[in-house]
Amino acid sequence: MARGQQKIQSQMKNAEKQAKLKKMAGTDTKKAAAAALTHKCTVCMSMMPDPKTYKQHFESKHPKVALPANLVDVVA
């Protein structure tokens, strides 16, 4: 088992290695983006970030289907 100076050097080397691994991993942008998509289209099940985008999507992609009640008062 390493003692004294060798142990301290090993701990410092391991700490640097762990810091580099953590930095390389970074944040998971895919999960963050998925969390921001809160509105789900009732027809095609695609996700939108806000009601305005949802209304624009609904009007352009599903013009023959009646607009959902929660989108009627949204200003586009």
PDB file of N, CA and C in Angstrom:
ATOM      1  N   MET A   1       0.838  -1.171   0.000  1.00  0.00           N
ATOM      2  CA  MET A   1       0.000   0.000   0.000  1.00  0.00           C
ATOM      3  C   MET A   1       0.889   1.242   0.000  1.00  0.00           C
ATOM      4  N   ALA A   2       0.530   2.220  -0.808  1.00  0.00           N
ATOM      5  CA  ALA A   2       1.327   3.446  -0.923  1.00  0.00           C
ATOM      6  C   ALA A   2       1.141   4.303   0.320  1.00  0.00           C
ATOM      7  N   ARG A   3       2.244   4.888   0.774  1.00  0.00           N
ATOM      8  CA  ARG A   3       2.193   5.738   1.961  1.00  0.00           C
ATOM      9  C   ARG A   3       2.894   7.054   1.702  1.00  0.00           C
ATOM     10  N   GLY A   4       2.562   8.039   2.485  1.00  0.00           N
ATOM     11  CA  GLY A   4       3.253   9.317   2.443  1.00  0.00           C
ATOM     12  C   GLY A   4       3.114  10.050   1.119  1.00  0.00           C
ATOM     13  N   GLN A   5       4.256  10.485   0.582  1.00  0.00           N
ATOM     14  CA  GLN A   5       4.288  11.307  -0.633  1.00  0.00           C
ATOM     15  C   GLN A   5       3.676  10.586  -1.833  1.00  0.00           C
ATOM     16  N   GLN A   6       3.940   9.303  -1.963  1.00  0.00           N
ATOM     17  CA  GLN A   6       3.409   8.532  -3.086  1.00  0.00           C
ATOM     18  C   GLN A   6       1.884   8.514  -3.051  1.00  0.00           C
ATOM     19  N   LYS A   7       1.316   8.395  -1.862  1.00  0.00           N
ATOM     20  CA  LYS A   7      -0.135   8.376  -1.702  1.00  0.00           C
ATOM     21  C   LYS A   7      -0.733   9.726  -2.111  1.00  0.00           C
ATOM     22  N   ILE A   8      -0.101  10.809  -1.680  1.00  0.00           N
ATOM     23  CA  ILE A   8      -0.591  12.154  -2.013  1.00  0.00           C
ATOM     24  C   ILE A   8      -0.537  12.383  -3.513  1.00  0.00           C
ATOM     25  N   GLN A   9       0.566  11.979  -4.162  1.00  0.00           N
ATOM     26  CA  GLN A   9       0.699  12.132  -5.609  1.00  0.00           C
ATOM     27  C   GLN A   9      -0.372  11.331  -6.336  1.00  0.00           C
ATOM     28  N   SER A  10      -0.631  10.127  -5.866  1.00  0.00           N
ATOM     29  CA  SER A  10      -1.645   9.280  -6.486  1.00  0.00           C
ATOM     30  C   SER A  10      -3.031   9.906  -6.357  1.00  0.00           C
ATOM     31  N   GLN A  11      -3.332  10.467  -5.194  1.00  0.00           N
ATOM     32  CA  GLN A  11      -4.632  11.102  -4.981  1.00  0.00           C
ATOM     33  C   GLN A  11      -4.790  12.329  -5.874  1.00  0.00           C
ATOM     34  N   MET A  12      -3.723  13.125  -6.004  1.00  0.00           N
ATOM     35  CA  MET A  12      -3.781  14.313  -6.859  1.00  0.00           C
ATOM     36  C   MET A  12      -3.953  13.930  -8.325  1.00  0.00           C
ATOM     37  N   LYS A  13      -3.240  12.893  -8.748  1.00  0.00           N
ATOM     38  CA  LYS A  13      -3.351  12.421 -10.126  1.00  0.00           C
ATOM     39  C   LYS A  13      -4.770  11.921 -10.405  1.00  0.00           C
ATOM     40  N   ASN A  14      -5.339  11.195  -9.476  1.00  0.00           N
ATOM     41  CA  ASN A  14      -6.697  10.675  -9.632  1.00  0.00           C
ATOM     42  C   ASN A  14      -7.713  11.820  -9.661  1.00  0.00           C
ATOM     43  N   ALA A  15      -7.511  12.837  -8.819  1.00  0.00           N
ATOM     44  CA  ALA A  15      -8.426  13.979  -8.801  1.00  0.00           C
ATOM     45  C   ALA A  15      -8.398  14.703 -10.145  1.00  0.00           C
ATOM     46  N   GLU A  16      -7.225  14.884 -10.727  1.00  0.00           N
ATOM     47  CA  GLU A  16      -7.109  15.528 -12.037  1.00  0.00           C
ATOM     48  C   GLU A  16      -7.802  14.696 -13.113  1.00  0.00           C
ATOM     49  N   LYS A  17      -7.614  13.397 -13.025  1.00  0.00           N
ATOM     50  CA  LYS A  17      -8.230  12.495 -14.004  1.00  0.00           C
ATOM     51  C   LYS A  17      -9.749  12.560 -13.920  1.00  0.00           C
ATOM     52  N   GLN A  18     -10.272  12.564 -12.704  1.00  0.00           N
ATOM     53  CA  GLN A  18     -11.716  12.638 -12.515  1.00  0.00           C
ATOM     54  C   GLN A  18     -12.270  13.978 -13.001  1.00  0.00           C
ATOM     55  N   ALA A  19     -11.526  15.074 -12.779  1.00  0.00           N
ATOM     56  CA  ALA A  19     -11.962  16.390 -13.236  1.00  0.00           C
ATOM     57  C   ALA A  19     -12.027  16.434 -14.762  1.00  0.00           C
ATOM     58  N   LYS A  20     -11.038  15.841 -15.422  1.00  0.00           N
ATOM     59  CA  LYS A  20     -11.037  15.804 -16.887  1.00  0.00           C
ATOM     60  C   LYS A  20     -12.222  14.996 -17.414  1.00  0.00           C
ATOM     61  N   LEU A  21     -12.508  13.859 -16.778  1.00  0.00           N
ATOM     62  CA  LEU A  21     -13.644  13.035 -17.204  1.00  0.00           C
ATOM     63  C   LEU A  21     -14.955  13.778 -17.024  1.00  0.00           C
ATOM     64  N   LYS A  22     -15.076  14.490 -15.914  1.00  0.00           N
ATOM     65  CA  LYS A  22     -16.301  15.240 -15.650  1.00  0.00           C
ATOM     66  C   LYS A  22     -16.469  16.360 -16.665  1.00  0.00           C
ATOM     67  N   LYS A  23     -15.361  17.027 -17.002  1.00  0.00           N
ATOM     68  CA  LYS A  23     -15.402  18.118 -17.978  1.00  0.00           C
ATOM     69  C   LYS A  23     -15.773  17.600 -19.363  1.00  0.00           C
ATOM     70  N   MET A  24     -15.257  16.439 -19.727  1.00  0.00           N
ATOM     71  CA  MET A  24     -15.548  15.858 -21.038  1.00  0.00           C
ATOM     72  C   MET A  24     -17.012  15.450 -21.145  1.00  0.00           C
ATOM     73  N   ALA A  25     -17.572  14.967 -20.049  1.00  0.00           N
ATOM     74  CA  ALA A  25     -18.964  14.524 -20.060  1.00  0.00           C
ATOM     75  C   ALA A  25     -19.894  15.708 -20.309  1.00  0.00           C
ATOM     76  N   GLY A  26     -19.643  16.831 -19.645  1.00  0.00           N
ATOM     77  CA  GLY A  26     -20.447  18.036 -19.837  1.00  0.00           C
ATOM     78  C   GLY A  26     -21.897  17.812 -19.450  1.00  0.00           C
ATOM     79  N   THR A  27     -22.772  18.624 -20.004  1.00  0.00           N
ATOM     80  CA  THR A  27     -24.191  18.500 -19.727  1.00  0.00           C
ATOM     81  C   THR A  27     -24.860  17.750 -20.866  1.00  0.00           C
ATOM     82  N   ASP A  28     -25.923  17.095 -20.551  1.00  0.00           N
ATOM     83  CA  ASP A  28     -26.655  16.335 -21.553  1.00  0.00           C
ATOM     84  C   ASP A  28     -27.701  17.252 -22.182  1.00  0.00           C
ATOM     85  N   THR A  29     -27.386  17.794 -23.336  1.00  0.00           N
ATOM     86  CA  THR A  29     -28.284  18.752 -23.980  1.00  0.00           C
ATOM     87  C   THR A  29     -29.549  18.091 -24.521  1.00  0.00           C
ATOM     88  N   LYS A  30     -29.464  16.822 -24.834  1.00  0.00           N
ATOM     89  CA  LYS A  30     -30.635  16.127 -25.357  1.00  0.00           C
ATOM     90  C   LYS A  30     -31.729  16.046 -24.289  1.00  0.00           C
ATOM     91  N   LYS A  31     -31.349  15.768 -23.060  1.00  0.00           N
ATOM     92  CA  LYS A  31     -32.331  15.699 -21.970  1.00  0.00           C
ATOM     93  C   LYS A  31     -32.897  17.073 -21.668  1.00  0.00           C
ATOM     94  N   ALA A  32     -32.065  18.094 -21.708  1.00  0.00           N
ATOM     95  CA  ALA A  32     -32.527  19.456 -21.444  1.00  0.00           C
ATOM     96  C   ALA A  32     -33.516  19.905 -22.515  1.00  0.00           C
ATOM     97  N   ALA A  33     -33.244  19.577 -23.750  1.00  0.00           N
ATOM     98  CA  ALA A  33     -34.142  19.940 -24.845  1.00  0.00           C
ATOM     99  C   ALA A  33     -35.470  19.206 -24.728  1.00  0.00           C
ATOM    100  N   ALA A  34     -35.421  17.947 -24.343  1.00  0.00           N
ATOM    101  CA  ALA A  34     -36.653  17.167 -24.189  1.00  0.00           C
ATOM    102  C   ALA A  34     -37.503  17.706 -23.038  1.00  0.00           C
ATOM    103  N   ALA A  35     -36.861  18.183 -21.995  1.00  0.00           N
ATOM    104  CA  ALA A  35     -37.595  18.729 -20.859  1.00  0.00           C
ATOM    105  C   ALA A  35     -38.297  20.029 -21.224  1.00  0.00           C
ATOM    106  N   ALA A  36     -37.749  20.779 -22.174  1.00  0.00           N
ATOM    107  CA  ALA A  36     -38.341  22.051 -22.587  1.00  0.00           C
ATOM    108  C   ALA A  36     -39.575  21.853 -23.459  1.00  0.00           C
ATOM    109  N   LEU A  37     -39.738  20.701 -24.066  1.00  0.00           N
ATOM    110  CA  LEU A  37     -40.886  20.436 -24.934  1.00  0.00           C
ATOM    111  C   LEU A  37     -42.059  19.978 -24.071  1.00  0.00           C
ATOM    112  N   THR A  38     -42.985  20.888 -23.834  1.00  0.00           N
ATOM    113  CA  THR A  38     -44.065  20.584 -22.894  1.00  0.00           C
ATOM    114  C   THR A  38     -45.429  20.362 -23.548  1.00  0.00           C
ATOM    115  N   HIS A  39     -45.632  20.876 -24.741  1.00  0.00           N
ATOM    116  CA  HIS A  39     -46.938  20.754 -25.400  1.00  0.00           C
ATOM    117  C   HIS A  39     -46.901  19.653 -26.451  1.00  0.00           C
ATOM    118  N   LYS A  40     -47.885  18.761 -26.403  1.00  0.00           N
ATOM    119  CA  LYS A  40     -47.927  17.615 -27.305  1.00  0.00           C
ATOM    120  C   LYS A  40     -49.128  17.737 -28.239  1.00  0.00           C
ATOM    121  N   CYS A  41     -48.861  17.639 -29.528  1.00  0.00           N
ATOM    122  CA  CYS A  41     -49.929  17.729 -30.526  1.00  0.00           C
ATOM    123  C   CYS A  41     -50.858  16.530 -30.360  1.00  0.00           C
ATOM    124  N   THR A  42     -52.160  16.793 -30.369  1.00  0.00           N
ATOM    125  CA  THR A  42     -53.136  15.724 -30.164  1.00  0.00           C
ATOM    126  C   THR A  42     -53.312  14.848 -31.402  1.00  0.00           C
ATOM    127  N   VAL A  43     -52.905  15.347 -32.570  1.00  0.00           N
ATOM    128  CA  VAL A  43     -53.075  14.600 -33.813  1.00  0.00           C
ATOM    129  C   VAL A  43     -51.848  13.759 -34.138  1.00  0.00           C
ATOM    130  N   CYS A  44     -50.679  14.410 -34.213  1.00  0.00           N
ATOM    131  CA  CYS A  44     -49.474  13.699 -34.655  1.00  0.00           C
ATOM    132  C   CYS A  44     -48.506  13.374 -33.521  1.00  0.00           C
ATOM    133  N   MET A  45     -48.806  13.801 -32.300  1.00  0.00           N
ATOM    134  CA  MET A  45     -48.016  13.523 -31.101  1.00  0.00           C
ATOM    135  C   MET A  45     -46.623  14.133 -31.115  1.00  0.00           C
ATOM    136  N   SER A  46     -46.387  15.147 -31.955  1.00  0.00           N
ATOM    137  CA  SER A  46     -45.093  15.825 -31.923  1.00  0.00           C
ATOM    138  C   SER A  46     -45.096  16.824 -30.766  1.00  0.00           C
ATOM    139  N   MET A  47     -43.903  17.140 -30.276  1.00  0.00           N
ATOM    140  CA  MET A  47     -43.774  17.992 -29.096  1.00  0.00           C
ATOM    141  C   MET A  47     -43.372  19.409 -29.500  1.00  0.00           C
ATOM    142  N   MET A  48     -43.917  20.391 -28.798  1.00  0.00           N
ATOM    143  CA  MET A  48     -43.609  21.797 -29.034  1.00  0.00           C
ATOM    144  C   MET A  48     -43.255  22.474 -27.710  1.00  0.00           C
ATOM    145  N   PRO A  49     -42.405  23.535 -27.765  1.00  0.00           N
ATOM    146  CA  PRO A  49     -41.963  24.179 -26.532  1.00  0.00           C
ATOM    147  C   PRO A  49     -42.978  25.142 -25.910  1.00  0.00           C
ATOM    148  N   ASP A  50     -43.831  25.766 -26.723  1.00  0.00           N
ATOM    149  CA  ASP A  50     -44.769  26.744 -26.162  1.00  0.00           C
ATOM    150  C   ASP A  50     -46.084  26.724 -26.940  1.00  0.00           C
ATOM    151  N   PRO A  51     -47.132  27.322 -26.372  1.00  0.00           N
ATOM    152  CA  PRO A  51     -48.451  27.297 -27.025  1.00  0.00           C
ATOM    153  C   PRO A  51     -48.484  28.017 -28.368  1.00  0.00           C
ATOM    154  N   LYS A  52     -47.694  29.074 -28.511  1.00  0.00           N
ATOM    155  CA  LYS A  52     -47.680  29.819 -29.778  1.00  0.00           C
ATOM    156  C   LYS A  52     -47.185  28.932 -30.917  1.00  0.00           C
ATOM    157  N   THR A  53     -46.093  28.217 -30.687  1.00  0.00           N
ATOM    158  CA  THR A  53     -45.556  27.300 -31.685  1.00  0.00           C
ATOM    159  C   THR A  53     -46.537  26.167 -31.952  1.00  0.00           C
ATOM    160  N   TYR A  54     -47.171  25.699 -30.885  1.00  0.00           N
ATOM    161  CA  TYR A  54     -48.154  24.618 -31.007  1.00  0.00           C
ATOM    162  C   TYR A  54     -49.310  25.057 -31.904  1.00  0.00           C
ATOM    163  N   LYS A  55     -49.790  26.289 -31.707  1.00  0.00           N
ATOM    164  CA  LYS A  55     -50.903  26.782 -32.523  1.00  0.00           C
ATOM    165  C   LYS A  55     -50.485  26.922 -33.987  1.00  0.00           C
ATOM    166  N   GLN A  56     -49.279  27.463 -34.225  1.00  0.00           N
ATOM    167  CA  GLN A  56     -48.785  27.596 -35.597  1.00  0.00           C
ATOM    168  C   GLN A  56     -48.650  26.231 -36.256  1.00  0.00           C
ATOM    169  N   HIS A  57     -48.139  25.256 -35.512  1.00  0.00           N
ATOM    170  CA  HIS A  57     -48.002  23.895 -36.025  1.00  0.00           C
ATOM    171  C   HIS A  57     -49.374  23.337 -36.383  1.00  0.00           C
ATOM    172  N   PHE A  58     -50.320  23.499 -35.468  1.00  0.00           N
ATOM    173  CA  PHE A  58     -51.651  22.933 -35.671  1.00  0.00           C
ATOM    174  C   PHE A  58     -52.336  23.537 -36.892  1.00  0.00           C
ATOM    175  N   GLU A  59     -52.190  24.850 -37.042  1.00  0.00           N
ATOM    176  CA  GLU A  59     -52.837  25.512 -38.182  1.00  0.00           C
ATOM    177  C   GLU A  59     -52.204  25.140 -39.517  1.00  0.00           C
ATOM    178  N   SER A  60     -50.902  24.902 -39.535  1.00  0.00           N
ATOM    179  CA  SER A  60     -50.246  24.583 -40.798  1.00  0.00           C
ATOM    180  C   SER A  60     -50.282  23.096 -41.143  1.00  0.00           C
ATOM    181  N   LYS A  61     -50.168  22.235 -40.153  1.00  0.00           N
ATOM    182  CA  LYS A  61     -50.090  20.794 -40.413  1.00  0.00           C
ATOM    183  C   LYS A  61     -51.446  20.090 -40.381  1.00  0.00           C
ATOM    184  N   HIS A  62     -52.388  20.637 -39.620  1.00  0.00           N
ATOM    185  CA  HIS A  62     -53.693  19.974 -39.474  1.00  0.00           C
ATOM    186  C   HIS A  62     -54.825  20.983 -39.704  1.00  0.00           C
ATOM    187  N   PRO A  63     -54.924  21.571 -40.901  1.00  0.00           N
ATOM    188  CA  PRO A  63     -55.929  22.616 -41.128  1.00  0.00           C
ATOM    189  C   PRO A  63     -57.372  22.107 -41.119  1.00  0.00           C
ATOM    190  N   LYS A  64     -57.583  20.842 -41.411  1.00  0.00           N
ATOM    191  CA  LYS A  64     -58.950  20.309 -41.472  1.00  0.00           C
ATOM    192  C   LYS A  64     -59.483  19.908 -40.102  1.00  0.00           C
ATOM    193  N   VAL A  65     -58.598  19.742 -39.139  1.00  0.00           N
ATOM    194  CA  VAL A  65     -59.001  19.348 -37.788  1.00  0.00           C
ATOM    195  C   VAL A  65     -59.305  20.606 -36.983  1.00  0.00           C
ATOM    196  N   ALA A  66     -60.341  20.513 -36.144  1.00  0.00           N
ATOM    197  CA  ALA A  66     -60.725  21.668 -35.325  1.00  0.00           C
ATOM    198  C   ALA A  66     -59.637  21.972 -34.304  1.00  0.00           C
ATOM    199  N   LEU A  67     -59.429  23.274 -34.068  1.00  0.00           N
ATOM    200  CA  LEU A  67     -58.412  23.729 -33.130  1.00  0.00           C
ATOM    201  C   LEU A  67     -58.803  23.330 -31.702  1.00  0.00           C
ATOM    202  N   PRO A  68     -57.884  22.767 -30.910  1.00  0.00           N
ATOM    203  CA  PRO A  68     -58.199  22.413 -29.527  1.00  0.00           C
ATOM    204  C   PRO A  68     -58.595  23.643 -28.706  1.00  0.00           C
ATOM    205  N   ALA A  69     -59.395  23.436 -27.673  1.00  0.00           N
ATOM    206  CA  ALA A  69     -59.907  24.534 -26.865  1.00  0.00           C
ATOM    207  C   ALA A  69     -58.812  25.349 -26.192  1.00  0.00           C
ATOM    208  N   ASN A  70     -57.720  24.683 -25.817  1.00  0.00           N
ATOM    209  CA  ASN A  70     -56.650  25.407 -25.126  1.00  0.00           C
ATOM    210  C   ASN A  70     -55.827  26.286 -26.071  1.00  0.00           C
ATOM    211  N   LEU A  71     -56.025  26.187 -27.376  1.00  0.00           N
ATOM    212  CA  LEU A  71     -55.282  27.000 -28.351  1.00  0.00           C
ATOM    213  C   LEU A  71     -56.120  28.127 -28.946  1.00  0.00           C
ATOM    214  N   VAL A  72     -57.387  28.154 -28.645  1.00  0.00           N
ATOM    215  CA  VAL A  72     -58.273  29.158 -29.263  1.00  0.00           C
ATOM    216  C   VAL A  72     -57.862  30.576 -28.864  1.00  0.00           C
ATOM    217  N   ASP A  73     -57.510  30.810 -27.608  1.00  0.00           N
ATOM    218  CA  ASP A  73     -57.200  32.159 -27.134  1.00  0.00           C
ATOM    219  C   ASP A  73     -55.717  32.527 -27.248  1.00  0.00           C
ATOM    220  N   VAL A  74     -54.875  31.636 -27.783  1.00  0.00           N
ATOM    221  CA  VAL A  74     -53.448  31.910 -27.936  1.00  0.00           C
ATOM    222  C   VAL A  74     -53.241  32.822 -29.144  1.00  0.00           C
ATOM    223  N   VAL A  75     -52.472  33.893 -28.951  1.00  0.00           N
ATOM    224  CA  VAL A  75     -52.189  34.841 -30.030  1.00  0.00           C
ATOM    225  C   VAL A  75     -50.949  34.363 -30.777  1.00  0.00           C
ATOM    226  N   ALA A  76     -51.083  34.200 -32.077  1.00  0.00           N
ATOM    227  CA  ALA A  76     -49.957  33.698 -32.873  1.00  0.00           C
ATOM    228  C   ALA A  76     -49.077  34.804 -33.388  1.00  0.00           C
TER     229      ALA A  76
END
